[in-house]
C-alpha atoms as a PDB file:
ATOM      1  CA  MET A   1     -46.276  48.326 160.873  1.00  0.00           C
ATOM      2  CA  ALA A   2     -43.184  51.071 159.083  1.00  0.00           C
ATOM      3  CA  LEU A   3     -44.812  51.072 156.195  1.00  0.00           C
ATOM      4  CA  ALA A   4     -48.722  51.775 157.797  1.00  0.00           C
ATOM      5  CA  VAL A   5     -46.837  54.569 159.699  1.00  0.00           C
ATOM      6  CA  LEU A   6     -44.965  55.925 156.717  1.00  0.00           C
ATOM      7  CA  THR A   7     -48.673  55.813 154.954  1.00  0.00           C
ATOM      8  CA  GLY A   8     -50.495  57.709 157.544  1.00  0.00           C
ATOM      9  CA  ASN A   9     -47.253  60.205 157.595  1.00  0.00           C
ATOM     10  CA  VAL A  10     -47.011  60.672 153.513  1.00  0.00           C
ATOM     11  CA  GLY A  11     -51.481  61.006 153.602  1.00  0.00           C
ATOM     12  CA  CYS A  12     -51.579  63.311 156.598  1.00  0.00           C
ATOM     13  CA  LEU A  13     -49.149  65.985 155.459  1.00  0.00           C
ATOM     14  CA  THR A  14     -50.425  66.243 152.039  1.00  0.00           C
ATOM     15  CA  VAL A  15     -54.128  66.631 153.161  1.00  0.00           C
ATOM     16  CA  LEU A  16     -52.478  69.825 155.465  1.00  0.00           C
ATOM     17  CA  ILE A  17     -50.367  71.067 152.602  1.00  0.00           C
ATOM     18  CA  THR A  18     -53.489  71.285 150.160  1.00  0.00           C
ATOM     19  CA  LEU A  19     -55.747  72.131 152.966  1.00  0.00           C
ATOM     20  CA  ALA A  20     -53.050  75.136 154.146  1.00  0.00           C
ATOM     21  CA  ALA A  21     -53.058  76.568 150.276  1.00  0.00           C
ATOM     22  CA  LEU A  22     -56.585  76.482 149.995  1.00  0.00           C
ATOM     23  CA  PHE A  23     -57.265  78.870 153.336  1.00  0.00           C
ATOM     24  CA  THR A  24     -54.700  80.478 152.512  1.00  0.00           C
ATOM     25  CA  GLY A  25     -55.465  81.315 149.300  1.00  0.00           C
ATOM     26  CA  LEU A  26     -58.821  81.825 149.989  1.00  0.00           C
ATOM     27  CA  TRP A  27     -57.888  84.672 152.770  1.00  0.00           C
ATOM     28  CA  LEU A  28     -55.529  86.409 150.291  1.00  0.00           C
ATOM     29  CA  ASP A  29     -57.579  86.646 147.439  1.00  0.00           C
ATOM     30  CA  GLY A  30     -60.541  87.795 149.960  1.00  0.00           C
ATOM     31  CA  LEU A  31     -57.396  90.673 151.000  1.00  0.00           C
ATOM     32  CA  PHE A  32     -56.630  91.153 148.209  1.00  0.00           C
ATOM     33  CA  GLY A  33     -60.219  90.737 145.945  1.00  0.00           C
ATOM     34  CA  SER A  34     -58.733  88.899 143.266  1.00  0.00           C
ATOM     35  CA  LYS A  35     -61.380  85.909 143.751  1.00  0.00           C
ATOM     36  CA  PRO A  36     -60.163  82.700 142.110  1.00  0.00           C
ATOM     37  CA  TRP A  37     -56.071  83.968 141.241  1.00  0.00           C
ATOM     38  CA  ILE A  38     -54.387  83.573 143.972  1.00  0.00           C
ATOM     39  CA  THR A  39     -56.725  80.239 145.936  1.00  0.00           C
ATOM     40  CA  LEU A  40     -55.229  78.437 142.540  1.00  0.00           C
ATOM     41  CA  ALA A  41     -52.140  79.555 141.729  1.00  0.00           C
ATOM     42  CA  LEU A  42     -52.128  77.926 145.726  1.00  0.00           C
ATOM     43  CA  MET A  43     -53.638  75.172 144.678  1.00  0.00           C
ATOM     44  CA  GLY A  44     -50.566  74.635 141.480  1.00  0.00           C
ATOM     45  CA  LEU A  45     -48.134  74.659 143.880  1.00  0.00           C
ATOM     46  CA  SER A  46     -49.743  72.449 146.434  1.00  0.00           C
ATOM     47  CA  LEU A  47     -48.855  69.770 144.109  1.00  0.00           C
ATOM     48  CA  PRO A  48     -44.996  70.074 144.229  1.00  0.00           C
ATOM     49  CA  VAL A  49     -44.658  70.777 147.362  1.00  0.00           C
ATOM     50  CA  SER A  50     -46.667  67.814 148.305  1.00  0.00           C
ATOM     51  CA  LEU A  51     -44.896  65.146 146.370  1.00  0.00           C
ATOM     52  CA  PHE A  52     -41.322  66.864 147.341  1.00  0.00           C
ATOM     53  CA  VAL A  53     -42.248  66.406 150.686  1.00  0.00           C
ATOM     54  CA  MET A  54     -43.487  62.455 149.760  1.00  0.00           C
ATOM     55  CA  PHE A  55     -40.609  61.720 148.396  1.00  0.00           C
ATOM     56  CA  THR A  56     -38.283  63.574 151.558  1.00  0.00           C
ATOM     57  CA  ILE A  57     -40.027  61.601 153.771  1.00  0.00           C
ATOM     58  CA  VAL A  58     -40.169  57.842 152.071  1.00  0.00           C
ATOM     59  CA  ARG A  59     -36.491  58.204 151.378  1.00  0.00           C
ATOM     60  CA  TRP A  60     -36.089  59.313 154.869  1.00  0.00           C
ATOM     61  CA  THR A  61     -37.594  56.799 156.421  1.00  0.00           C
ATOM     62  CA  THR A  62     -36.332  53.672 153.915  1.00  0.00           C
ATOM     63  CA  SER A  63     -32.508  54.983 154.535  1.00  0.00           C
ATOM     64  CA  ARG A  64     -33.783  54.423 158.256  1.00  0.00           C
ATOM     65  CA  MET A  65     -34.435  50.887 157.647  1.00  0.00           C
ATOM     66  CA  SER A  66     -32.072  48.141 157.136  1.00  0.00           C
ATOM     67  CA  PHE A  67     -32.912  44.655 155.312  1.00  0.00           C
ATOM     68  CA  GLU A  68     -31.054  42.936 158.693  1.00  0.00           C
ATOM     69  CA  ASP A  69     -34.006  44.340 160.512  1.00  0.00           C
ATOM     70  CA  VAL A  70     -36.809  43.125 157.824  1.00  0.00           C
ATOM     71  CA  GLN A  71     -35.188  40.124 158.406  1.00  0.00           C
ATOM     72  CA  LYS A  72     -35.589  40.121 161.955  1.00  0.00           C
ATOM     73  CA  GLN A  73     -39.469  40.972 162.514  1.00  0.00           C
ATOM     74  CA  ALA A  74     -40.005  38.338 160.112  1.00  0.00           C
ATOM     75  CA  ALA A  75     -38.340  35.724 161.953  1.00  0.00           C
ATOM     76  CA  LYS A  76     -40.085  37.027 165.034  1.00  0.00           C
ATOM     77  CA  ARG A  77     -43.154  36.221 163.874  1.00  0.00           C
ATOM     78  CA  LYS A  78     -41.806  32.747 162.428  1.00  0.00           C
ATOM     79  CA  GLY A  79     -41.118  32.308 165.992  1.00  0.00           C
ATOM     80  CA  SER A  80     -37.529  31.059 164.798  1.00  0.00           C
ATOM     81  CA  HIS A  81     -34.285  33.488 166.283  1.00  0.00           C
ATOM     82  CA  LEU A  82     -31.782  35.031 164.061  1.00  0.00           C
ATOM     83  CA  ASP A  83     -27.380  34.497 164.907  1.00  0.00           C
ATOM     84  CA  ASP A  84     -26.770  38.137 165.942  1.00  0.00           C
END
């Protein structure tokens, strides 16, 4: 379940960062009359920002997970219980 949440968070944030770069670039290009250049620059910068955010979220989420929690969840699914 945590993997599905993680995947959803990363996917949504990547889309939001890309759309923010696109619309901000279009707005700034219209404001300064530099048609494609600011948009292209912001779209180019959105890739490393998205990667940084993705790795940060994955590291944070996986650090909160522990092997014991995974074992307990697997045991619950099988119907048995681990001794605490």
